[in-house]
């Protein structure tokens, strides 16, 4: 074997190695290039029985914006449209970042608006069939809230299930190319005035407690079924107002019946009856 043949064979062998190694190079670079592509924070601020808001903050990474601009913009526009349908406010800081606030007046309205936002049932699906938004994976989200009124405060038992198994990055042959955890940074936050207690089951997530227990933060797991459960109390302005009125009336009655008579001010002295005066008869002319 002369040097020319050996050199040609060596060159073909090296080129084959390089071609095969490209797959591994891509697999190593993709997570580094796409890390933190989407930051999606969902929060519920439950201030009292009659006031609260759903807050969402979405920020797209520059690499994702360049990688799939049309789909990303269609997704943000969809969020804006659904927010306005629920009488919420949208603040768009840039073409890659928006903040959404949706108010609610009670627990039933919270559940209705939350589920409606994440599971839209409008007639726009046919219009979106051929749009870039149709490329967004389906995400199943369901919230349930059980409440009990104890006059001064409302007991709340919240359950939330979020199915993110459709967010995996999968090739045409079904192989997972990139774990969705490197693409998405998802958090669910609950803010309550008196604190909350997490209920952790076998399939539930354990939250991080902040702000002396008044804030719980769950880190959601993309590509998995996420289950959240918690219990908390919120003050009842209606019950507190009624209690204050009852106390005020009770104290007023006590002062009237007990203290005022002791001071001689509770009763008026009875009026003495006047003696009848004899009638005068005039006998003179």
C-alpha atoms as a PDB file:
ATOM      1  CA  UNK A   1       0.000   0.000   0.000  1.00  0.00           C
ATOM      2  CA  UNK A   2       1.571   3.312  -1.092  1.00  0.00           C
ATOM      3  CA  UNK A   3       1.295   6.583   0.795  1.00  0.00           C
ATOM      4  CA  UNK A   4      -1.376   8.028  -1.538  1.00  0.00           C
ATOM      5  CA  UNK A   5      -3.819   5.167  -0.940  1.00  0.00           C
ATOM      6  CA  UNK A   6      -3.143   5.266   2.801  1.00  0.00           C
ATOM      7  CA  UNK A   7      -3.696   9.016   2.878  1.00  0.00           C
ATOM      8  CA  UNK A   8      -6.971   8.711   0.979  1.00  0.00           C
ATOM      9  CA  UNK A   9      -8.255   6.009   3.349  1.00  0.00           C
ATOM     10  CA  UNK A  10      -7.209   8.013   6.386  1.00  0.00           C
ATOM     11  CA  UNK A  11      -8.974  11.080   5.029  1.00  0.00           C
ATOM     12  CA  UNK A  12     -12.214   9.160   4.422  1.00  0.00           C
ATOM     13  CA  UNK A  13     -12.047   7.712   7.933  1.00  0.00           C
ATOM     14  CA  UNK A  14     -11.579  11.162   9.490  1.00  0.00           C
ATOM     15  CA  UNK A  15     -14.434  12.655   7.437  1.00  0.00           C
ATOM     16  CA  UNK A  16     -16.747   9.854   8.543  1.00  0.00           C
ATOM     17  CA  UNK A  17     -15.866  10.482  12.163  1.00  0.00           C
ATOM     18  CA  UNK A  18     -16.531  14.194  11.765  1.00  0.00           C
ATOM     19  CA  UNK A  19     -19.898  13.561  10.093  1.00  0.00           C
ATOM     20  CA  UNK A  20     -20.974  11.207  12.867  1.00  0.00           C
ATOM     21  CA  UNK A  21     -19.750  13.589  15.532  1.00  0.00           C
ATOM     22  CA  UNK A  22     -21.863  16.446  14.164  1.00  0.00           C
ATOM     23  CA  UNK A  23     -24.957  14.865  15.684  1.00  0.00           C
ATOM     24  CA  UNK A  24     -23.369  14.899  19.130  1.00  0.00           C
ATOM     25  CA  UNK A  25     -22.073  18.422  18.661  1.00  0.00           C
ATOM     26  CA  UNK A  26     -25.599  19.615  17.851  1.00  0.00           C
ATOM     27  CA  UNK A  27     -27.047  17.782  20.840  1.00  0.00           C
ATOM     28  CA  UNK A  28     -24.477  19.417  23.101  1.00  0.00           C
ATOM     29  CA  UNK A  29     -24.900  22.907  21.680  1.00  0.00           C
ATOM     30  CA  UNK A  30     -28.695  23.080  21.494  1.00  0.00           C
ATOM     31  CA  UNK A  31     -29.257  23.055  25.285  1.00  0.00           C
ATOM     32  CA  UNK A  32     -26.591  25.732  25.743  1.00  0.00           C
ATOM     33  CA  UNK A  33     -28.049  27.919  22.996  1.00  0.00           C
ATOM     34  CA  UNK A  34     -31.656  27.556  24.087  1.00  0.00           C
ATOM     35  CA  UNK A  35     -31.294  27.554  27.882  1.00  0.00           C
ATOM     36  CA  UNK A  36     -33.971  29.736  29.465  1.00  0.00           C
ATOM     37  CA  UNK A  37     -35.732  30.448  26.189  1.00  0.00           C
ATOM     38  CA  UNK A  38     -39.092  31.004  27.879  1.00  0.00           C
ATOM     39  CA  UNK A  39     -39.665  32.409  31.356  1.00  0.00           C
ATOM     40  CA  UNK A  40     -43.318  31.963  32.288  1.00  0.00           C
ATOM     41  CA  UNK A  41     -44.455  32.955  35.788  1.00  0.00           C
ATOM     42  CA  UNK A  42     -48.092  32.518  36.813  1.00  0.00           C
ATOM     43  CA  UNK A  43     -49.234  34.011  40.104  1.00  0.00           C
ATOM     44  CA  UNK A  44     -52.445  34.352  42.102  1.00  0.00           C
ATOM     45  CA  UNK A  45     -52.734  37.268  44.518  1.00  0.00           C
ATOM     46  CA  UNK A  46     -55.599  36.382  46.859  1.00  0.00           C
ATOM     47  CA  UNK A  47     -55.946  39.494  48.999  1.00  0.00           C
ATOM     48  CA  UNK A  48     -59.402  38.994  50.534  1.00  0.00           C
ATOM     49  CA  UNK A  49     -62.813  37.442  50.018  1.00  0.00           C
ATOM     50  CA  UNK A  50     -63.783  40.067  47.440  1.00  0.00           C
ATOM     51  CA  UNK A  51     -60.549  41.007  45.715  1.00  0.00           C
ATOM     52  CA  UNK A  52     -57.639  39.343  43.933  1.00  0.00           C
ATOM     53  CA  UNK A  53     -55.884  39.064  40.591  1.00  0.00           C
ATOM     54  CA  UNK A  54     -54.229  36.554  38.301  1.00  0.00           C
ATOM     55  CA  UNK A  55     -50.783  37.777  37.266  1.00  0.00           C
ATOM     56  CA  UNK A  56     -48.685  36.363  34.449  1.00  0.00           C
ATOM     57  CA  UNK A  57     -45.256  37.417  33.303  1.00  0.00           C
ATOM     58  CA  UNK A  58     -43.878  35.992  30.061  1.00  0.00           C
ATOM     59  CA  UNK A  59     -40.432  36.696  28.682  1.00  0.00           C
ATOM     60  CA  UNK A  60     -38.991  35.095  25.566  1.00  0.00           C
ATOM     61  CA  UNK A  61     -35.267  34.700  25.132  1.00  0.00           C
ATOM     62  CA  UNK A  62     -33.558  36.380  22.204  1.00  0.00           C
ATOM     63  CA  UNK A  63     -32.470  33.036  20.752  1.00  0.00           C
ATOM     64  CA  UNK A  64     -36.022  31.696  20.751  1.00  0.00           C
ATOM     65  CA  UNK A  65     -37.338  34.911  19.213  1.00  0.00           C
ATOM     66  CA  UNK A  66     -34.875  34.550  16.348  1.00  0.00           C
ATOM     67  CA  UNK A  67     -35.432  30.783  16.086  1.00  0.00           C
ATOM     68  CA  UNK A  68     -39.240  30.897  15.726  1.00  0.00           C
ATOM     69  CA  UNK A  69     -40.400  34.489  15.604  1.00  0.00           C
ATOM     70  CA  UNK A  70     -43.792  33.940  13.953  1.00  0.00           C
ATOM     71  CA  UNK A  71     -44.915  31.250  16.401  1.00  0.00           C
ATOM     72  CA  UNK A  72     -43.695  33.210  19.410  1.00  0.00           C
ATOM     73  CA  UNK A  73     -45.539  36.371  18.343  1.00  0.00           C
ATOM     74  CA  UNK A  74     -48.709  34.408  17.603  1.00  0.00           C
ATOM     75  CA  UNK A  75     -48.546  32.956  21.110  1.00  0.00           C
ATOM     76  CA  UNK A  76     -48.140  36.380  22.738  1.00  0.00           C
ATOM     77  CA  UNK A  77     -50.992  37.801  20.661  1.00  0.00           C
ATOM     78  CA  UNK A  78     -53.170  34.896  21.760  1.00  0.00           C
ATOM     79  CA  UNK A  79     -52.400  35.702  25.406  1.00  0.00           C
ATOM     80  CA  UNK A  80     -53.265  39.363  24.870  1.00  0.00           C
ATOM     81  CA  UNK A  81     -56.549  38.501  23.169  1.00  0.00           C
ATOM     82  CA  UNK A  82     -57.670  36.076  25.890  1.00  0.00           C
ATOM     83  CA  UNK A  83     -56.711  38.572  28.611  1.00  0.00           C
ATOM     84  CA  UNK A  84     -58.876  41.311  27.149  1.00  0.00           C
ATOM     85  CA  UNK A  85     -61.784  38.884  26.786  1.00  0.00           C
ATOM     86  CA  UNK A  86     -61.602  38.389  30.557  1.00  0.00           C
ATOM     87  CA  UNK A  87     -61.443  42.170  31.193  1.00  0.00           C
ATOM     88  CA  UNK A  88     -57.779  42.054  32.157  1.00  0.00           C
ATOM     89  CA  UNK A  89     -54.871  44.381  31.480  1.00  0.00           C
ATOM     90  CA  UNK A  90     -51.819  43.736  29.327  1.00  0.00           C
ATOM     91  CA  UNK A  91     -48.533  45.574  29.646  1.00  0.00           C
ATOM     92  CA  UNK A  92     -46.109  44.856  26.813  1.00  0.00           C
ATOM     93  CA  UNK A  93     -42.596  45.890  27.797  1.00  0.00           C
ATOM     94  CA  UNK A  94     -41.085  44.782  24.479  1.00  0.00           C
ATOM     95  CA  UNK A  95     -41.755  42.398  21.605  1.00  0.00           C
ATOM     96  CA  UNK A  96     -40.449  39.591  23.846  1.00  0.00           C
ATOM     97  CA  UNK A  97     -41.973  40.439  27.237  1.00  0.00           C
ATOM     98  CA  UNK A  98     -45.522  41.010  28.500  1.00  0.00           C
ATOM     99  CA  UNK A  99     -47.245  41.182  31.894  1.00  0.00           C
ATOM    100  CA  UNK A 100     -50.890  40.195  32.280  1.00  0.00           C
ATOM    101  CA  UNK A 101     -53.263  41.036  35.159  1.00  0.00           C
ATOM    102  CA  UNK A 102     -56.780  39.575  35.356  1.00  0.00           C
ATOM    103  CA  UNK A 103     -58.918  40.658  38.358  1.00  0.00           C
ATOM    104  CA  UNK A 104     -61.410  38.444  40.174  1.00  0.00           C
ATOM    105  CA  UNK A 105     -63.958  39.218  42.906  1.00  0.00           C
ATOM    106  CA  UNK A 106     -64.362  35.830  44.581  1.00  0.00           C
ATOM    107  CA  UNK A 107     -63.162  32.245  44.489  1.00  0.00           C
ATOM    108  CA  UNK A 108     -65.742  31.088  41.964  1.00  0.00           C
ATOM    109  CA  UNK A 109     -64.738  33.850  39.544  1.00  0.00           C
ATOM    110  CA  UNK A 110     -61.059  32.980  40.024  1.00  0.00           C
ATOM    111  CA  UNK A 111     -61.651  29.372  38.973  1.00  0.00           C
ATOM    112  CA  UNK A 112     -63.864  30.380  36.054  1.00  0.00           C
ATOM    113  CA  UNK A 113     -61.423  32.928  34.630  1.00  0.00           C
ATOM    114  CA  UNK A 114     -58.327  30.824  35.266  1.00  0.00           C
ATOM    115  CA  UNK A 115     -59.725  27.746  33.540  1.00  0.00           C
ATOM    116  CA  UNK A 116     -61.184  29.806  30.717  1.00  0.00           C
ATOM    117  CA  UNK A 117     -57.861  31.501  30.084  1.00  0.00           C
ATOM    118  CA  UNK A 118     -55.828  28.300  29.895  1.00  0.00           C
ATOM    119  CA  UNK A 119     -58.542  26.266  28.190  1.00  0.00           C
ATOM    120  CA  UNK A 120     -60.148  28.657  25.671  1.00  0.00           C
ATOM    121  CA  UNK A 121     -63.366  27.294  24.239  1.00  0.00           C
ATOM    122  CA  UNK A 122     -64.105  30.051  21.749  1.00  0.00           C
ATOM    123  CA  UNK A 123     -64.743  29.593  18.072  1.00  0.00           C
ATOM    124  CA  UNK A 124     -61.315  30.725  16.972  1.00  0.00           C
ATOM    125  CA  UNK A 125     -59.795  27.270  16.623  1.00  0.00           C
ATOM    126  CA  UNK A 126     -60.830  26.999  12.983  1.00  0.00           C
ATOM    127  CA  UNK A 127     -59.278  30.358  12.184  1.00  0.00           C
ATOM    128  CA  UNK A 128     -56.016  29.314  13.826  1.00  0.00           C
ATOM    129  CA  UNK A 129     -55.736  25.968  12.088  1.00  0.00           C
ATOM    130  CA  UNK A 130     -53.420  27.300   9.398  1.00  0.00           C
ATOM    131  CA  UNK A 131     -51.708  29.985  11.492  1.00  0.00           C
ATOM    132  CA  UNK A 132     -48.354  29.783  13.289  1.00  0.00           C
ATOM    133  CA  UNK A 133     -50.240  29.650  16.562  1.00  0.00           C
ATOM    134  CA  UNK A 134     -51.474  26.179  15.636  1.00  0.00           C
ATOM    135  CA  UNK A 135     -47.911  24.931  16.123  1.00  0.00           C
ATOM    136  CA  UNK A 136     -48.147  25.646  19.878  1.00  0.00           C
ATOM    137  CA  UNK A 137     -48.604  22.377  21.814  1.00  0.00           C
ATOM    138  CA  UNK A 138     -51.833  21.729  23.655  1.00  0.00           C
ATOM    139  CA  UNK A 139     -51.559  22.157  27.425  1.00  0.00           C
ATOM    140  CA  UNK A 140     -54.215  20.808  29.757  1.00  0.00           C
ATOM    141  CA  UNK A 141     -54.861  22.975  32.823  1.00  0.00           C
ATOM    142  CA  UNK A 142     -57.540  22.543  35.469  1.00  0.00           C
ATOM    143  CA  UNK A 143     -58.044  24.426  38.743  1.00  0.00           C
ATOM    144  CA  UNK A 144     -60.527  23.648  41.516  1.00  0.00           C
ATOM    145  CA  UNK A 145     -61.201  25.646  44.681  1.00  0.00           C
ATOM    146  CA  UNK A 146     -63.308  24.575  47.658  1.00  0.00           C
ATOM    147  CA  UNK A 147     -64.305  27.328  50.110  1.00  0.00           C
ATOM    148  CA  UNK A 148     -65.988  27.464  53.525  1.00  0.00           C
ATOM    149  CA  UNK A 149     -67.188  30.661  55.180  1.00  0.00           C
ATOM    150  CA  UNK A 150     -66.379  31.066  58.891  1.00  0.00           C
ATOM    151  CA  UNK A 151     -67.778  34.630  59.093  1.00  0.00           C
ATOM    152  CA  UNK A 152     -64.500  36.480  59.776  1.00  0.00           C
ATOM    153  CA  UNK A 153     -62.413  34.465  57.307  1.00  0.00           C
ATOM    154  CA  UNK A 154     -62.780  32.145  54.327  1.00  0.00           C
ATOM    155  CA  UNK A 155     -61.137  28.719  54.296  1.00  0.00           C
ATOM    156  CA  UNK A 156     -59.758  27.771  50.847  1.00  0.00           C
ATOM    157  CA  UNK A 157     -58.594  24.409  49.558  1.00  0.00           C
ATOM    158  CA  UNK A 158     -56.998  24.828  46.127  1.00  0.00           C
ATOM    159  CA  UNK A 159     -56.121  22.043  43.677  1.00  0.00           C
ATOM    160  CA  UNK A 160     -54.332  22.703  40.403  1.00  0.00           C
ATOM    161  CA  UNK A 161     -53.273  20.191  37.767  1.00  0.00           C
ATOM    162  CA  UNK A 162     -51.157  21.211  34.789  1.00  0.00           C
ATOM    163  CA  UNK A 163     -50.226  18.712  32.090  1.00  0.00           C
ATOM    164  CA  UNK A 164     -46.972  19.782  30.409  1.00  0.00           C
ATOM    165  CA  UNK A 165     -46.142  16.462  28.795  1.00  0.00           C
ATOM    166  CA  UNK A 166     -46.702  17.934  25.330  1.00  0.00           C
ATOM    167  CA  UNK A 167     -43.779  20.364  25.682  1.00  0.00           C
ATOM    168  CA  UNK A 168     -41.043  17.865  24.876  1.00  0.00           C
ATOM    169  CA  UNK A 169     -38.811  18.611  21.894  1.00  0.00           C
ATOM    170  CA  UNK A 170     -39.185  15.452  19.814  1.00  0.00           C
ATOM    171  CA  UNK A 171     -37.675  14.500  16.479  1.00  0.00           C
ATOM    172  CA  UNK A 172     -39.628  13.017  13.565  1.00  0.00           C
ATOM    173  CA  UNK A 173     -38.884   9.453  14.671  1.00  0.00           C
ATOM    174  CA  UNK A 174     -40.135  10.089  18.215  1.00  0.00           C
ATOM    175  CA  UNK A 175     -36.751  10.488  19.890  1.00  0.00           C
ATOM    176  CA  UNK A 176     -36.446  13.198  22.518  1.00  0.00           C
ATOM    177  CA  UNK A 177     -33.799  15.609  21.241  1.00  0.00           C
ATOM    178  CA  UNK A 178     -33.792  18.205  23.989  1.00  0.00           C
ATOM    179  CA  UNK A 179     -35.299  17.965  27.443  1.00  0.00           C
ATOM    180  CA  UNK A 180     -37.965  20.680  27.786  1.00  0.00           C
ATOM    181  CA  UNK A 181     -36.481  21.643  31.127  1.00  0.00           C
ATOM    182  CA  UNK A 182     -33.643  23.452  29.372  1.00  0.00           C
ATOM    183  CA  UNK A 183     -36.094  25.436  27.222  1.00  0.00           C
ATOM    184  CA  UNK A 184     -38.673  26.518  29.781  1.00  0.00           C
ATOM    185  CA  UNK A 185     -38.505  28.182  33.185  1.00  0.00           C
ATOM    186  CA  UNK A 186     -41.996  27.875  34.672  1.00  0.00           C
ATOM    187  CA  UNK A 187     -43.206  28.973  38.115  1.00  0.00           C
ATOM    188  CA  UNK A 188     -46.563  29.108  39.853  1.00  0.00           C
ATOM    189  CA  UNK A 189     -46.878  31.550  42.777  1.00  0.00           C
ATOM    190  CA  UNK A 190     -49.604  31.958  45.382  1.00  0.00           C
ATOM    191  CA  UNK A 191     -49.719  35.101  47.554  1.00  0.00           C
ATOM    192  CA  UNK A 192     -52.057  35.152  50.561  1.00  0.00           C
ATOM    193  CA  UNK A 193     -52.425  37.679  53.420  1.00  0.00           C
ATOM    194  CA  UNK A 194     -52.191  35.110  56.250  1.00  0.00           C
ATOM    195  CA  UNK A 195     -49.987  32.463  54.680  1.00  0.00           C
ATOM    196  CA  UNK A 196     -50.683  29.092  53.089  1.00  0.00           C
ATOM    197  CA  UNK A 197     -49.886  25.460  53.807  1.00  0.00           C
ATOM    198  CA  UNK A 198     -48.873  23.131  50.996  1.00  0.00           C
ATOM    199  CA  UNK A 199     -50.424  19.684  50.786  1.00  0.00           C
ATOM    200  CA  UNK A 200     -47.878  17.330  49.256  1.00  0.00           C
ATOM    201  CA  UNK A 201     -49.162  14.022  47.923  1.00  0.00           C
ATOM    202  CA  UNK A 202     -47.290  11.246  46.147  1.00  0.00           C
ATOM    203  CA  UNK A 203     -47.627  12.971  42.770  1.00  0.00           C
ATOM    204  CA  UNK A 204     -47.576  16.541  44.122  1.00  0.00           C
ATOM    205  CA  UNK A 205     -44.882  19.204  43.953  1.00  0.00           C
ATOM    206  CA  UNK A 206     -43.230  20.718  47.023  1.00  0.00           C
ATOM    207  CA  UNK A 207     -43.209  24.538  46.923  1.00  0.00           C
ATOM    208  CA  UNK A 208     -40.711  26.996  48.303  1.00  0.00           C
ATOM    209  CA  UNK A 209     -42.040  29.169  51.129  1.00  0.00           C
ATOM    210  CA  UNK A 210     -41.187  32.881  51.061  1.00  0.00           C
ATOM    211  CA  UNK A 211     -42.181  36.090  52.845  1.00  0.00           C
ATOM    212  CA  UNK A 212     -42.850  34.368  56.178  1.00  0.00           C
ATOM    213  CA  UNK A 213     -45.090  31.782  54.559  1.00  0.00           C
ATOM    214  CA  UNK A 214     -47.358  34.289  52.810  1.00  0.00           C
ATOM    215  CA  UNK A 215     -45.946  33.288  49.434  1.00  0.00           C
ATOM    216  CA  UNK A 216     -45.580  29.775  48.018  1.00  0.00           C
ATOM    217  CA  UNK A 217     -43.623  29.210  44.800  1.00  0.00           C
ATOM    218  CA  UNK A 218     -43.829  25.986  42.819  1.00  0.00           C
ATOM    219  CA  UNK A 219     -41.258  25.254  40.111  1.00  0.00           C
ATOM    220  CA  UNK A 220     -43.222  23.466  37.395  1.00  0.00           C
ATOM    221  CA  UNK A 221     -41.695  20.521  35.556  1.00  0.00           C
ATOM    222  CA  UNK A 222     -41.993  20.693  31.738  1.00  0.00           C
ATOM    223  CA  UNK A 223     -42.675  17.359  30.110  1.00  0.00           C
ATOM    224  CA  UNK A 224     -44.503  16.075  33.204  1.00  0.00           C
ATOM    225  CA  UNK A 225     -47.912  16.109  34.871  1.00  0.00           C
ATOM    226  CA  UNK A 226     -47.775  18.729  37.653  1.00  0.00           C
ATOM    227  CA  UNK A 227     -50.106  18.564  40.660  1.00  0.00           C
ATOM    228  CA  UNK A 228     -50.349  21.427  43.190  1.00  0.00           C
ATOM    229  CA  UNK A 229     -52.451  21.475  46.349  1.00  0.00           C
ATOM    230  CA  UNK A 230     -52.621  23.984  49.188  1.00  0.00           C
ATOM    231  CA  UNK A 231     -54.826  25.297  52.006  1.00  0.00           C
ATOM    232  CA  UNK A 232     -55.065  28.907  53.146  1.00  0.00           C
ATOM    233  CA  UNK A 233     -57.300  31.495  54.823  1.00  0.00           C
ATOM    234  CA  UNK A 234     -58.278  34.942  53.605  1.00  0.00           C
ATOM    235  CA  UNK A 235     -60.117  37.664  55.569  1.00  0.00           C
ATOM    236  CA  UNK A 236     -63.786  38.328  54.890  1.00  0.00           C
ATOM    237  CA  UNK A 237     -64.542  42.082  54.768  1.00  0.00           C
ATOM    238  CA  UNK A 238     -68.281  41.366  54.756  1.00  0.00           C
ATOM    239  CA  UNK A 239     -68.036  39.135  57.823  1.00  0.00           C
ATOM    240  CA  UNK A 240     -65.691  41.519  59.629  1.00  0.00           C
ATOM    241  CA  UNK A 241     -68.018  44.458  58.899  1.00  0.00           C
ATOM    242  CA  UNK A 242     -71.038  42.530  60.169  1.00  0.00           C
ATOM    243  CA  UNK A 243     -69.142  41.527  63.315  1.00  0.00           C
ATOM    244  CA  UNK A 244     -68.191  45.159  64.026  1.00  0.00           C
ATOM    245  CA  UNK A 245     -71.822  46.233  63.637  1.00  0.00           C
ATOM    246  CA  UNK A 246     -73.006  43.511  66.035  1.00  0.00           C
ATOM    247  CA  UNK A 247     -70.368  44.487  68.599  1.00  0.00           C
ATOM    248  CA  UNK A 248     -71.293  48.174  68.293  1.00  0.00           C
ATOM    249  CA  UNK A 249     -75.000  47.487  68.776  1.00  0.00           C
ATOM    250  CA  UNK A 250     -74.324  45.159  71.728  1.00  0.00           C
ATOM    251  CA  UNK A 251     -72.129  47.737  73.469  1.00  0.00           C
ATOM    252  CA  UNK A 252     -74.704  50.454  72.853  1.00  0.00           C
ATOM    253  CA  UNK A 253     -77.475  48.374  74.435  1.00  0.00           C
ATOM    254  CA  UNK A 254     -75.243  47.566  77.415  1.00  0.00           C
ATOM    255  CA  UNK A 255     -74.449  51.230  78.017  1.00  0.00           C
ATOM    256  CA  UNK A 256     -78.084  52.184  77.760  1.00  0.00           C
ATOM    257  CA  UNK A 257     -79.426  49.486  80.098  1.00  0.00           C
ATOM    258  CA  UNK A 258     -76.631  49.330  82.675  1.00  0.00           C
ATOM    259  CA  UNK A 259     -74.580  52.475  82.882  1.00  0.00           C
ATOM    260  CA  UNK A 260     -77.043  55.243  82.152  1.00  0.00           C
ATOM    261  CA  UNK A 261     -79.562  54.309  84.885  1.00  0.00           C
ATOM    262  CA  UNK A 262     -76.734  54.195  87.430  1.00  0.00           C
ATOM    263  CA  UNK A 263     -75.875  57.761  86.536  1.00  0.00           C
ATOM    264  CA  UNK A 264     -79.491  58.866  86.875  1.00  0.00           C
ATOM    265  CA  UNK A 265     -79.740  59.526  83.208  1.00  0.00           C
ATOM    266  CA  UNK A 266     -81.426  56.417  82.057  1.00  0.00           C
ATOM    267  CA  UNK A 267     -84.994  57.253  83.068  1.00  0.00           C
ATOM    268  CA  UNK A 268     -87.029  60.406  83.300  1.00  0.00           C
ATOM    269  CA  UNK A 269     -88.800  61.326  86.570  1.00  0.00           C
ATOM    270  CA  UNK A 270     -92.551  60.735  86.340  1.00  0.00           C
ATOM    271  CA  UNK A 271     -94.646  63.888  86.174  1.00  0.00           C
ATOM    272  CA  UNK A 272     -96.843  64.580  89.285  1.00  0.00           C
ATOM    273  CA  UNK A 273    -100.520  64.669  88.575  1.00  0.00           C
ATOM    274  CA  UNK A 274    -102.151  68.027  89.289  1.00  0.00           C
ATOM    275  CA  UNK A 275    -104.942  68.110  91.901  1.00  0.00           C
ATOM    276  CA  UNK A 276    -108.301  68.965  90.423  1.00  0.00           C
ATOM    277  CA  UNK A 277    -109.433  72.496  91.303  1.00  0.00           C
ATOM    278  CA  UNK A 278    -112.994  72.987  92.617  1.00  0.00           C
ATOM    279  CA  UNK A 279    -115.295  74.711  90.231  1.00  0.00           C
ATOM    280  CA  UNK A 280    -116.441  78.187  91.194  1.00  0.00           C
ATOM    281  CA  UNK A 281    -120.180  78.821  90.988  1.00  0.00           C
ATOM    282  CA  UNK A 282    -121.285  82.398  90.532  1.00  0.00           C
ATOM    283  CA  UNK A 283    -124.571  83.003  92.450  1.00  0.00           C
ATOM    284  CA  UNK A 284    -124.587  86.774  92.222  1.00  0.00           C
ATOM    285  CA  UNK A 285    -126.317  88.850  89.699  1.00  0.00           C
END
